[in-house]
Amino acid sequence: IRKAREVADTFGPQWAAEDRVLLSQDKKNGPQSNSVFPYSIFYVFYEQYLNIVYETTAQVSMGLTAVSIITWVMLGLDIIATLNVVAGVSSIVLSVAAMMVLWD
């Protein structure tokens, strides 16, 4: 998909330049300027794999940060108890991820 995007990014400006030349020769209102994007019936599903690792890391990090801050405040600013809770939540997240890998 990344290579298809590179080809589309290369081809798009070339097509737009040719379009401008043709429109300037015709001196009339032509079609709207075109854009190029890679498409395949399979790209609909593969597109999500380009950024799923980043999204997963960001979501899990934000969740663990929220859990740690709320736990730290609610347990009376006790850092040891907070670390125990965060370790427990992290092990649950890791167990769920491992089960997803095993089911695949």
PDB file of N, CA and C in Angstrom:
ATOM      1  N   ILE A   1       0.837  -1.189   0.000  1.00  0.00           N
ATOM      2  CA  ILE A   1       0.000   0.000   0.000  1.00  0.00           C
ATOM      3  C   ILE A   1       0.874   1.242   0.000  1.00  0.00           C
ATOM      4  N   ARG A   2       1.954   1.211   0.768  1.00  0.00           N
ATOM      5  CA  ARG A   2       2.828   2.397   0.799  1.00  0.00           C
ATOM      6  C   ARG A   2       3.413   2.678  -0.587  1.00  0.00           C
ATOM      7  N   LYS A   3       3.822   1.620  -1.280  1.00  0.00           N
ATOM      8  CA  LYS A   3       4.368   1.795  -2.631  1.00  0.00           C
ATOM      9  C   LYS A   3       3.294   2.319  -3.574  1.00  0.00           C
ATOM     10  N   ALA A   4       2.072   1.842  -3.435  1.00  0.00           N
ATOM     11  CA  ALA A   4       0.986   2.337  -4.278  1.00  0.00           C
ATOM     12  C   ALA A   4       0.735   3.819  -4.019  1.00  0.00           C
ATOM     13  N   ARG A   5       0.850   4.226  -2.763  1.00  0.00           N
ATOM     14  CA  ARG A   5       0.690   5.654  -2.449  1.00  0.00           C
ATOM     15  C   ARG A   5       1.818   6.476  -3.062  1.00  0.00           C
ATOM     16  N   GLU A   6       3.044   5.941  -3.030  1.00  0.00           N
ATOM     17  CA  GLU A   6       4.166   6.659  -3.639  1.00  0.00           C
ATOM     18  C   GLU A   6       3.953   6.832  -5.137  1.00  0.00           C
ATOM     19  N   VAL A   7       3.489   5.786  -5.798  1.00  0.00           N
ATOM     20  CA  VAL A   7       3.228   5.869  -7.238  1.00  0.00           C
ATOM     21  C   VAL A   7       2.130   6.890  -7.510  1.00  0.00           C
ATOM     22  N   ALA A   8       1.084   6.877  -6.711  1.00  0.00           N
ATOM     23  CA  ALA A   8      -0.006   7.833  -6.891  1.00  0.00           C
ATOM     24  C   ALA A   8       0.468   9.257  -6.650  1.00  0.00           C
ATOM     25  N   ASP A   9       1.323   9.457  -5.632  1.00  0.00           N
ATOM     26  CA  ASP A   9       1.852  10.797  -5.370  1.00  0.00           C
ATOM     27  C   ASP A   9       2.756  11.277  -6.494  1.00  0.00           C
ATOM     28  N   THR A  10       3.442  10.365  -7.158  1.00  0.00           N
ATOM     29  CA  THR A  10       4.288  10.730  -8.288  1.00  0.00           C
ATOM     30  C   THR A  10       3.450  11.014  -9.532  1.00  0.00           C
ATOM     31  N   PHE A  11       2.449  10.195  -9.747  1.00  0.00           N
ATOM     32  CA  PHE A  11       1.632  10.314 -10.946  1.00  0.00           C
ATOM     33  C   PHE A  11       0.654  11.488 -10.881  1.00  0.00           C
ATOM     34  N   GLY A  12       0.184  11.815  -9.694  1.00  0.00           N
ATOM     35  CA  GLY A  12      -0.808  12.875  -9.529  1.00  0.00           C
ATOM     36  C   GLY A  12      -0.364  14.232 -10.058  1.00  0.00           C
ATOM     37  N   PRO A  13       0.794  14.761  -9.629  1.00  0.00           N
ATOM     38  CA  PRO A  13       1.241  16.055 -10.146  1.00  0.00           C
ATOM     39  C   PRO A  13       1.495  16.044 -11.653  1.00  0.00           C
ATOM     40  N   GLN A  14       2.000  14.919 -12.165  1.00  0.00           N
ATOM     41  CA  GLN A  14       2.236  14.817 -13.610  1.00  0.00           C
ATOM     42  C   GLN A  14       0.914  14.924 -14.358  1.00  0.00           C
ATOM     43  N   TRP A  15      -0.093  14.248 -13.870  1.00  0.00           N
ATOM     44  CA  TRP A  15      -1.413  14.287 -14.494  1.00  0.00           C
ATOM     45  C   TRP A  15      -2.020  15.683 -14.398  1.00  0.00           C
ATOM     46  N   ALA A  16      -1.841  16.330 -13.258  1.00  0.00           N
ATOM     47  CA  ALA A  16      -2.368  17.687 -13.084  1.00  0.00           C
ATOM     48  C   ALA A  16      -1.678  18.667 -14.032  1.00  0.00           C
ATOM     49  N   ALA A  17      -0.366  18.505 -14.235  1.00  0.00           N
ATOM     50  CA  ALA A  17       0.360  19.389 -15.148  1.00  0.00           C
ATOM     51  C   ALA A  17      -0.133  19.194 -16.584  1.00  0.00           C
ATOM     52  N   GLU A  18      -0.320  17.939 -16.977  1.00  0.00           N
ATOM     53  CA  GLU A  18      -0.843  17.675 -18.319  1.00  0.00           C
ATOM     54  C   GLU A  18      -2.261  18.223 -18.465  1.00  0.00           C
ATOM     55  N   ASP A  19      -3.039  18.137 -17.408  1.00  0.00           N
ATOM     56  CA  ASP A  19      -4.399  18.657 -17.409  1.00  0.00           C
ATOM     57  C   ASP A  19      -4.398  20.174 -17.610  1.00  0.00           C
ATOM     58  N   ARG A  20      -3.474  20.861 -16.927  1.00  0.00           N
ATOM     59  CA  ARG A  20      -3.387  22.321 -17.060  1.00  0.00           C
ATOM     60  C   ARG A  20      -2.997  22.727 -18.480  1.00  0.00           C
ATOM     61  N   VAL A  21      -2.085  21.974 -19.080  1.00  0.00           N
ATOM     62  CA  VAL A  21      -1.659  22.275 -20.443  1.00  0.00           C
ATOM     63  C   VAL A  21      -2.829  22.115 -21.403  1.00  0.00           C
ATOM     64  N   LEU A  22      -3.580  21.031 -21.259  1.00  0.00           N
ATOM     65  CA  LEU A  22      -4.732  20.805 -22.134  1.00  0.00           C
ATOM     66  C   LEU A  22      -5.809  21.864 -21.931  1.00  0.00           C
ATOM     67  N   LEU A  23      -6.028  22.268 -20.699  1.00  0.00           N
ATOM     68  CA  LEU A  23      -7.052  23.285 -20.424  1.00  0.00           C
ATOM     69  C   LEU A  23      -6.627  24.647 -20.975  1.00  0.00           C
ATOM     70  N   SER A  24      -5.332  24.937 -20.902  1.00  0.00           N
ATOM     71  CA  SER A  24      -4.876  26.226 -21.424  1.00  0.00           C
ATOM     72  C   SER A  24      -4.958  26.254 -22.956  1.00  0.00           C
ATOM     73  N   GLN A  25      -4.827  25.094 -23.589  1.00  0.00           N
ATOM     74  CA  GLN A  25      -4.944  25.049 -25.043  1.00  0.00           C
ATOM     75  C   GLN A  25      -6.393  25.158 -25.494  1.00  0.00           C
ATOM     76  N   ASP A  26      -7.311  24.603 -24.704  1.00  0.00           N
ATOM     77  CA  ASP A  26      -8.719  24.616 -25.089  1.00  0.00           C
ATOM     78  C   ASP A  26      -9.376  25.966 -24.856  1.00  0.00           C
ATOM     79  N   LYS A  27      -8.923  26.727 -23.868  1.00  0.00           N
ATOM     80  CA  LYS A  27      -9.463  28.045 -23.525  1.00  0.00           C
ATOM     81  C   LYS A  27     -10.955  27.990 -23.196  1.00  0.00           C
ATOM     82  N   LYS A  28     -11.415  26.906 -22.662  1.00  0.00           N
ATOM     83  CA  LYS A  28     -12.805  26.812 -22.251  1.00  0.00           C
ATOM     84  C   LYS A  28     -12.875  26.106 -20.901  1.00  0.00           C
ATOM     85  N   ASN A  29     -14.033  26.111 -20.339  1.00  0.00           N
ATOM     86  CA  ASN A  29     -14.192  25.461 -19.043  1.00  0.00           C
ATOM     87  C   ASN A  29     -14.126  23.952 -19.220  1.00  0.00           C
ATOM     88  N   GLY A  30     -13.093  23.384 -18.696  1.00  0.00           N
ATOM     89  CA  GLY A  30     -12.914  21.949 -18.820  1.00  0.00           C
ATOM     90  C   GLY A  30     -13.358  21.238 -17.552  1.00  0.00           C
ATOM     91  N   PRO A  31     -12.985  20.003 -17.454  1.00  0.00           N
ATOM     92  CA  PRO A  31     -13.366  19.232 -16.265  1.00  0.00           C
ATOM     93  C   PRO A  31     -12.604  19.709 -15.033  1.00  0.00           C
ATOM     94  N   GLN A  32     -13.089  19.324 -13.897  1.00  0.00           N
ATOM     95  CA  GLN A  32     -12.405  19.655 -12.646  1.00  0.00           C
ATOM     96  C   GLN A  32     -11.046  18.959 -12.628  1.00  0.00           C
ATOM     97  N   SER A  33     -10.124  19.527 -11.863  1.00  0.00           N
ATOM     98  CA  SER A  33      -8.809  18.890 -11.766  1.00  0.00           C
ATOM     99  C   SER A  33      -8.963  17.534 -11.076  1.00  0.00           C
ATOM    100  N   ASN A  34      -8.157  16.624 -11.496  1.00  0.00           N
ATOM    101  CA  ASN A  34      -8.263  15.245 -11.018  1.00  0.00           C
ATOM    102  C   ASN A  34      -7.235  14.969  -9.944  1.00  0.00           C
ATOM    103  N   SER A  35      -7.521  13.978  -9.149  1.00  0.00           N
ATOM    104  CA  SER A  35      -6.550  13.503  -8.178  1.00  0.00           C
ATOM    105  C   SER A  35      -6.419  11.991  -8.332  1.00  0.00           C
ATOM    106  N   VAL A  36      -5.293  11.485  -7.917  1.00  0.00           N
ATOM    107  CA  VAL A  36      -5.002  10.073  -8.066  1.00  0.00           C
ATOM    108  C   VAL A  36      -4.894   9.455  -6.681  1.00  0.00           C
ATOM    109  N   PHE A  37      -5.528   8.333  -6.503  1.00  0.00           N
ATOM    110  CA  PHE A  37      -5.375   7.583  -5.268  1.00  0.00           C
ATOM    111  C   PHE A  37      -5.366   6.099  -5.602  1.00  0.00           C
ATOM    112  N   PRO A  38      -4.541   5.333  -4.886  1.00  0.00           N
ATOM    113  CA  PRO A  38      -4.488   3.905  -5.155  1.00  0.00           C
ATOM    114  C   PRO A  38      -5.743   3.228  -4.632  1.00  0.00           C
ATOM    115  N   TYR A  39      -6.282   2.339  -5.408  1.00  0.00           N
ATOM    116  CA  TYR A  39      -7.478   1.625  -4.981  1.00  0.00           C
ATOM    117  C   TYR A  39      -7.430   0.196  -5.478  1.00  0.00           C
ATOM    118  N   SER A  40      -7.811  -0.666  -4.629  1.00  0.00           N
ATOM    119  CA  SER A  40      -8.030  -2.061  -4.968  1.00  0.00           C
ATOM    120  C   SER A  40      -9.084  -2.568  -4.000  1.00  0.00           C
ATOM    121  N   ILE A  41      -9.751  -3.598  -4.367  1.00  0.00           N
ATOM    122  CA  ILE A  41     -10.762  -4.132  -3.467  1.00  0.00           C
ATOM    123  C   ILE A  41     -10.133  -4.627  -2.176  1.00  0.00           C
ATOM    124  N   PHE A  42      -8.852  -4.984  -2.241  1.00  0.00           N
ATOM    125  CA  PHE A  42      -8.164  -5.477  -1.055  1.00  0.00           C
ATOM    126  C   PHE A  42      -7.643  -4.345  -0.177  1.00  0.00           C
ATOM    127  N   TYR A  43      -7.412  -3.158  -0.733  1.00  0.00           N
ATOM    128  CA  TYR A  43      -6.861  -2.054   0.039  1.00  0.00           C
ATOM    129  C   TYR A  43      -7.804  -1.589   1.133  1.00  0.00           C
ATOM    130  N   VAL A  44      -9.080  -1.854   0.996  1.00  0.00           N
ATOM    131  CA  VAL A  44     -10.030  -1.446   2.022  1.00  0.00           C
ATOM    132  C   VAL A  44      -9.655  -2.083   3.355  1.00  0.00           C
ATOM    133  N   PHE A  45      -9.197  -3.315   3.322  1.00  0.00           N
ATOM    134  CA  PHE A  45      -8.852  -4.009   4.548  1.00  0.00           C
ATOM    135  C   PHE A  45      -7.393  -3.807   4.935  1.00  0.00           C
ATOM    136  N   TYR A  46      -6.498  -3.711   3.977  1.00  0.00           N
ATOM    137  CA  TYR A  46      -5.080  -3.551   4.296  1.00  0.00           C
ATOM    138  C   TYR A  46      -4.741  -2.146   4.763  1.00  0.00           C
ATOM    139  N   GLU A  47      -5.563  -1.187   4.473  1.00  0.00           N
ATOM    140  CA  GLU A  47      -5.320   0.193   4.879  1.00  0.00           C
ATOM    141  C   GLU A  47      -5.220   0.303   6.403  1.00  0.00           C
ATOM    142  N   GLN A  48      -6.027  -0.447   7.102  1.00  0.00           N
ATOM    143  CA  GLN A  48      -6.032  -0.350   8.555  1.00  0.00           C
ATOM    144  C   GLN A  48      -4.758  -0.909   9.180  1.00  0.00           C
ATOM    145  N   TYR A  49      -4.050  -1.788   8.480  1.00  0.00           N
ATOM    146  CA  TYR A  49      -2.840  -2.367   9.041  1.00  0.00           C
ATOM    147  C   TYR A  49      -1.659  -1.409   9.018  1.00  0.00           C
ATOM    148  N   LEU A  50      -1.756  -0.320   8.262  1.00  0.00           N
ATOM    149  CA  LEU A  50      -0.649   0.632   8.211  1.00  0.00           C
ATOM    150  C   LEU A  50      -0.482   1.384   9.525  1.00  0.00           C
ATOM    151  N   ASN A  51      -1.578   1.604  10.236  1.00  0.00           N
ATOM    152  CA  ASN A  51      -1.468   2.406  11.448  1.00  0.00           C
ATOM    153  C   ASN A  51      -2.021   1.718  12.680  1.00  0.00           C
ATOM    154  N   ILE A  52      -2.241   0.427  12.642  1.00  0.00           N
ATOM    155  CA  ILE A  52      -2.850  -0.238  13.795  1.00  0.00           C
ATOM    156  C   ILE A  52      -1.881  -0.350  14.968  1.00  0.00           C
ATOM    157  N   VAL A  53      -0.592  -0.504  14.708  1.00  0.00           N
ATOM    158  CA  VAL A  53       0.372  -0.609  15.802  1.00  0.00           C
ATOM    159  C   VAL A  53       0.468   0.722  16.540  1.00  0.00           C
ATOM    160  N   TYR A  54       0.529   1.821  15.794  1.00  0.00           N
ATOM    161  CA  TYR A  54       0.583   3.133  16.414  1.00  0.00           C
ATOM    162  C   TYR A  54      -0.684   3.403  17.230  1.00  0.00           C
ATOM    163  N   GLU A  55      -1.838   3.109  16.658  1.00  0.00           N
ATOM    164  CA  GLU A  55      -3.108   3.352  17.357  1.00  0.00           C
ATOM    165  C   GLU A  55      -3.210   2.504  18.626  1.00  0.00           C
ATOM    166  N   THR A  56      -2.815   1.246  18.542  1.00  0.00           N
ATOM    167  CA  THR A  56      -2.878   0.368  19.705  1.00  0.00           C
ATOM    168  C   THR A  56      -1.954   0.853  20.809  1.00  0.00           C
ATOM    169  N   THR A  57      -0.741   1.230  20.442  1.00  0.00           N
ATOM    170  CA  THR A  57       0.209   1.726  21.433  1.00  0.00           C
ATOM    171  C   THR A  57      -0.304   2.996  22.096  1.00  0.00           C
ATOM    172  N   ALA A  58      -0.845   3.899  21.315  1.00  0.00           N
ATOM    173  CA  ALA A  58      -1.358   5.151  21.871  1.00  0.00           C
ATOM    174  C   ALA A  58      -2.541   4.899  22.807  1.00  0.00           C
ATOM    175  N   GLN A  59      -3.470   4.036  22.404  1.00  0.00           N
ATOM    176  CA  GLN A  59      -4.648   3.774  23.230  1.00  0.00           C
ATOM    177  C   GLN A  59      -4.288   3.060  24.534  1.00  0.00           C
ATOM    178  N   VAL A  60      -3.418   2.071  24.466  1.00  0.00           N
ATOM    179  CA  VAL A  60      -3.019   1.354  25.684  1.00  0.00           C
ATOM    180  C   VAL A  60      -2.238   2.277  26.608  1.00  0.00           C
ATOM    181  N   SER A  61      -1.381   3.114  26.048  1.00  0.00           N
ATOM    182  CA  SER A  61      -0.613   4.057  26.878  1.00  0.00           C
ATOM    183  C   SER A  61      -1.523   5.059  27.574  1.00  0.00           C
ATOM    184  N   MET A  62      -2.494   5.593  26.833  1.00  0.00           N
ATOM    185  CA  MET A  62      -3.424   6.538  27.458  1.00  0.00           C
ATOM    186  C   MET A  62      -4.257   5.861  28.542  1.00  0.00           C
ATOM    187  N   GLY A  63      -4.660   4.620  28.296  1.00  0.00           N
ATOM    188  CA  GLY A  63      -5.433   3.897  29.298  1.00  0.00           C
ATOM    189  C   GLY A  63      -4.642   3.633  30.563  1.00  0.00           C
ATOM    190  N   LEU A  64      -3.414   3.168  30.411  1.00  0.00           N
ATOM    191  CA  LEU A  64      -2.578   2.895  31.581  1.00  0.00           C
ATOM    192  C   LEU A  64      -2.224   4.181  32.325  1.00  0.00           C
ATOM    193  N   THR A  65      -2.040   5.270  31.595  1.00  0.00           N
ATOM    194  CA  THR A  65      -1.769   6.551  32.239  1.00  0.00           C
ATOM    195  C   THR A  65      -2.973   7.007  33.054  1.00  0.00           C
ATOM    196  N   ALA A  66      -4.159   6.884  32.490  1.00  0.00           N
ATOM    197  CA  ALA A  66      -5.371   7.265  33.210  1.00  0.00           C
ATOM    198  C   ALA A  66      -5.572   6.399  34.449  1.00  0.00           C
ATOM    199  N   VAL A  67      -5.358   5.096  34.312  1.00  0.00           N
ATOM    200  CA  VAL A  67      -5.508   4.197  35.453  1.00  0.00           C
ATOM    201  C   VAL A  67      -4.510   4.550  36.545  1.00  0.00           C
ATOM    202  N   SER A  68      -3.270   4.823  36.146  1.00  0.00           N
ATOM    203  CA  SER A  68      -2.261   5.126  37.161  1.00  0.00           C
ATOM    204  C   SER A  68      -2.535   6.450  37.868  1.00  0.00           C
ATOM    205  N   ILE A  69      -2.968   7.462  37.155  1.00  0.00           N
ATOM    206  CA  ILE A  69      -3.249   8.763  37.792  1.00  0.00           C
ATOM    207  C   ILE A  69      -4.449   8.658  38.723  1.00  0.00           C
ATOM    208  N   ILE A  70      -5.517   8.047  38.245  1.00  0.00           N
ATOM    209  CA  ILE A  70      -6.721   7.930  39.072  1.00  0.00           C
ATOM    210  C   ILE A  70      -6.456   7.053  40.288  1.00  0.00           C
ATOM    211  N   THR A  71      -5.732   5.960  40.108  1.00  0.00           N
ATOM    212  CA  THR A  71      -5.414   5.080  41.232  1.00  0.00           C
ATOM    213  C   THR A  71      -4.529   5.791  42.235  1.00  0.00           C
ATOM    214  N   TRP A  72      -3.566   6.531  41.752  1.00  0.00           N
ATOM    215  CA  TRP A  72      -2.652   7.256  42.638  1.00  0.00           C
ATOM    216  C   TRP A  72      -3.405   8.262  43.494  1.00  0.00           C
ATOM    217  N   VAL A  73      -4.357   8.971  42.893  1.00  0.00           N
ATOM    218  CA  VAL A  73      -5.137   9.957  43.643  1.00  0.00           C
ATOM    219  C   VAL A  73      -6.106   9.259  44.603  1.00  0.00           C
ATOM    220  N   MET A  74      -6.801   8.240  44.144  1.00  0.00           N
ATOM    221  CA  MET A  74      -7.829   7.592  44.956  1.00  0.00           C
ATOM    222  C   MET A  74      -7.249   6.764  46.110  1.00  0.00           C
ATOM    223  N   LEU A  75      -6.022   6.302  45.966  1.00  0.00           N
ATOM    224  CA  LEU A  75      -5.409   5.520  47.041  1.00  0.00           C
ATOM    225  C   LEU A  75      -4.543   6.373  47.959  1.00  0.00           C
ATOM    226  N   GLY A  76      -4.775   7.647  47.955  1.00  0.00           N
ATOM    227  CA  GLY A  76      -4.083   8.524  48.907  1.00  0.00           C
ATOM    228  C   GLY A  76      -2.633   8.780  48.560  1.00  0.00           C
ATOM    229  N   LEU A  77      -2.339   8.912  47.278  1.00  0.00           N
ATOM    230  CA  LEU A  77      -0.993   9.223  46.784  1.00  0.00           C
ATOM    231  C   LEU A  77       0.038   8.164  47.187  1.00  0.00           C
ATOM    232  N   ASP A  78      -0.399   6.922  47.242  1.00  0.00           N
ATOM    233  CA  ASP A  78       0.474   5.805  47.581  1.00  0.00           C
ATOM    234  C   ASP A  78       1.042   5.223  46.285  1.00  0.00           C
ATOM    235  N   ILE A  79       2.319   5.433  46.055  1.00  0.00           N
ATOM    236  CA  ILE A  79       2.941   5.033  44.793  1.00  0.00           C
ATOM    237  C   ILE A  79       3.093   3.516  44.680  1.00  0.00           C
ATOM    238  N   ILE A  80       3.331   2.829  45.803  1.00  0.00           N
ATOM    239  CA  ILE A  80       3.503   1.372  45.768  1.00  0.00           C
ATOM    240  C   ILE A  80       2.192   0.688  45.387  1.00  0.00           C
ATOM    241  N   ALA A  81       1.099   1.118  45.977  1.00  0.00           N
ATOM    242  CA  ALA A  81      -0.202   0.536  45.644  1.00  0.00           C
ATOM    243  C   ALA A  81      -0.562   0.838  44.190  1.00  0.00           C
ATOM    244  N   THR A  82      -0.230   2.041  43.753  1.00  0.00           N
ATOM    245  CA  THR A  82      -0.503   2.417  42.365  1.00  0.00           C
ATOM    246  C   THR A  82       0.284   1.535  41.405  1.00  0.00           C
ATOM    247  N   LEU A  83       1.537   1.302  41.692  1.00  0.00           N
ATOM    248  CA  LEU A  83       2.353   0.449  40.830  1.00  0.00           C
ATOM    249  C   LEU A  83       1.832  -0.991  40.818  1.00  0.00           C
ATOM    250  N   ASN A  84       1.320  -1.466  41.963  1.00  0.00           N
ATOM    251  CA  ASN A  84       0.727  -2.811  42.005  1.00  0.00           C
ATOM    252  C   ASN A  84      -0.504  -2.889  41.117  1.00  0.00           C
ATOM    253  N   VAL A  85      -1.359  -1.878  41.167  1.00  0.00           N
ATOM    254  CA  VAL A  85      -2.573  -1.868  40.344  1.00  0.00           C
ATOM    255  C   VAL A  85      -2.208  -1.777  38.870  1.00  0.00           C
ATOM    256  N   VAL A  86      -1.279  -0.898  38.526  1.00  0.00           N
ATOM    257  CA  VAL A  86      -0.864  -0.737  37.125  1.00  0.00           C
ATOM    258  C   VAL A  86      -0.213  -2.022  36.619  1.00  0.00           C
ATOM    259  N   ALA A  87       0.561  -2.695  37.459  1.00  0.00           N
ATOM    260  CA  ALA A  87       1.152  -3.975  37.058  1.00  0.00           C
ATOM    261  C   ALA A  87       0.065  -5.014  36.820  1.00  0.00           C
ATOM    262  N   GLY A  88      -0.953  -5.027  37.658  1.00  0.00           N
ATOM    263  CA  GLY A  88      -2.061  -5.957  37.469  1.00  0.00           C
ATOM    264  C   GLY A  88      -2.829  -5.684  36.190  1.00  0.00           C
ATOM    265  N   VAL A  89      -3.126  -4.423  35.933  1.00  0.00           N
ATOM    266  CA  VAL A  89      -3.840  -4.056  34.704  1.00  0.00           C
ATOM    267  C   VAL A  89      -2.980  -4.369  33.485  1.00  0.00           C
ATOM    268  N   SER A  90      -1.690  -4.105  33.564  1.00  0.00           N
ATOM    269  CA  SER A  90      -0.787  -4.400  32.442  1.00  0.00           C
ATOM    270  C   SER A  90      -0.731  -5.898  32.159  1.00  0.00           C
ATOM    271  N   SER A  91      -0.727  -6.707  33.221  1.00  0.00           N
ATOM    272  CA  SER A  91      -0.690  -8.153  32.994  1.00  0.00           C
ATOM    273  C   SER A  91      -2.000  -8.649  32.385  1.00  0.00           C
ATOM    274  N   ILE A  92      -3.126  -8.026  32.731  1.00  0.00           N
ATOM    275  CA  ILE A  92      -4.399  -8.395  32.112  1.00  0.00           C
ATOM    276  C   ILE A  92      -4.383  -8.036  30.626  1.00  0.00           C
ATOM    277  N   VAL A  93      -3.889  -6.845  30.297  1.00  0.00           N
ATOM    278  CA  VAL A  93      -3.814  -6.422  28.894  1.00  0.00           C
ATOM    279  C   VAL A  93      -2.893  -7.361  28.113  1.00  0.00           C
ATOM    280  N   LEU A  94      -1.771  -7.731  28.708  1.00  0.00           N
ATOM    281  CA  LEU A  94      -0.846  -8.658  28.058  1.00  0.00           C
ATOM    282  C   LEU A  94      -1.481 -10.032  27.872  1.00  0.00           C
ATOM    283  N   SER A  95      -2.238 -10.492  28.842  1.00  0.00           N
ATOM    284  CA  SER A  95      -2.914 -11.791  28.729  1.00  0.00           C
ATOM    285  C   SER A  95      -3.955 -11.771  27.615  1.00  0.00           C
ATOM    286  N   VAL A  96      -4.693 -10.698  27.517  1.00  0.00           N
ATOM    287  CA  VAL A  96      -5.690 -10.584  26.442  1.00  0.00           C
ATOM    288  C   VAL A  96      -5.004 -10.570  25.080  1.00  0.00           C
ATOM    289  N   ALA A  97      -3.906  -9.818  24.965  1.00  0.00           N
ATOM    290  CA  ALA A  97      -3.170  -9.776  23.695  1.00  0.00           C
ATOM    291  C   ALA A  97      -2.618 -11.153  23.342  1.00  0.00           C
ATOM    292  N   ALA A  98      -2.100 -11.872  24.340  1.00  0.00           N
ATOM    293  CA  ALA A  98      -1.567 -13.210  24.084  1.00  0.00           C
ATOM    294  C   ALA A  98      -2.668 -14.175  23.660  1.00  0.00           C
ATOM    295  N   MET A  99      -3.835 -14.055  24.260  1.00  0.00           N
ATOM    296  CA  MET A  99      -4.952 -14.920  23.872  1.00  0.00           C
ATOM    297  C   MET A  99      -5.400 -14.612  22.438  1.00  0.00           C
ATOM    298  N   MET A 100      -5.361 -13.341  22.048  1.00  0.00           N
ATOM    299  CA  MET A 100      -5.721 -12.980  20.676  1.00  0.00           C
ATOM    300  C   MET A 100      -4.725 -13.576  19.692  1.00  0.00           C
ATOM    301  N   VAL A 101      -3.449 -13.595  20.050  1.00  0.00           N
ATOM    302  CA  VAL A 101      -2.434 -14.184  19.182  1.00  0.00           C
ATOM    303  C   VAL A 101      -2.649 -15.692  19.072  1.00  0.00           C
ATOM    304  N   LEU A 102      -2.980 -16.331  20.176  1.00  0.00           N
ATOM    305  CA  LEU A 102      -3.202 -17.780  20.153  1.00  0.00           C
ATOM    306  C   LEU A 102      -4.435 -18.157  19.361  1.00  0.00           C
ATOM    307  N   TRP A 103      -5.465 -17.342  19.390  1.00  0.00           N
ATOM    308  CA  TRP A 103      -6.688 -17.636  18.649  1.00  0.00           C
ATOM    309  C   TRP A 103      -6.541 -17.389  17.168  1.00  0.00           C
ATOM    310  N   ASP A 104      -5.528 -16.622  16.776  1.00  0.00           N
ATOM    311  CA  ASP A 104      -5.368 -16.286  15.358  1.00  0.00           C
ATOM    312  C   ASP A 104      -4.879 -17.442  14.581  1.00  0.00           C
TER     313      ASP A 104
END
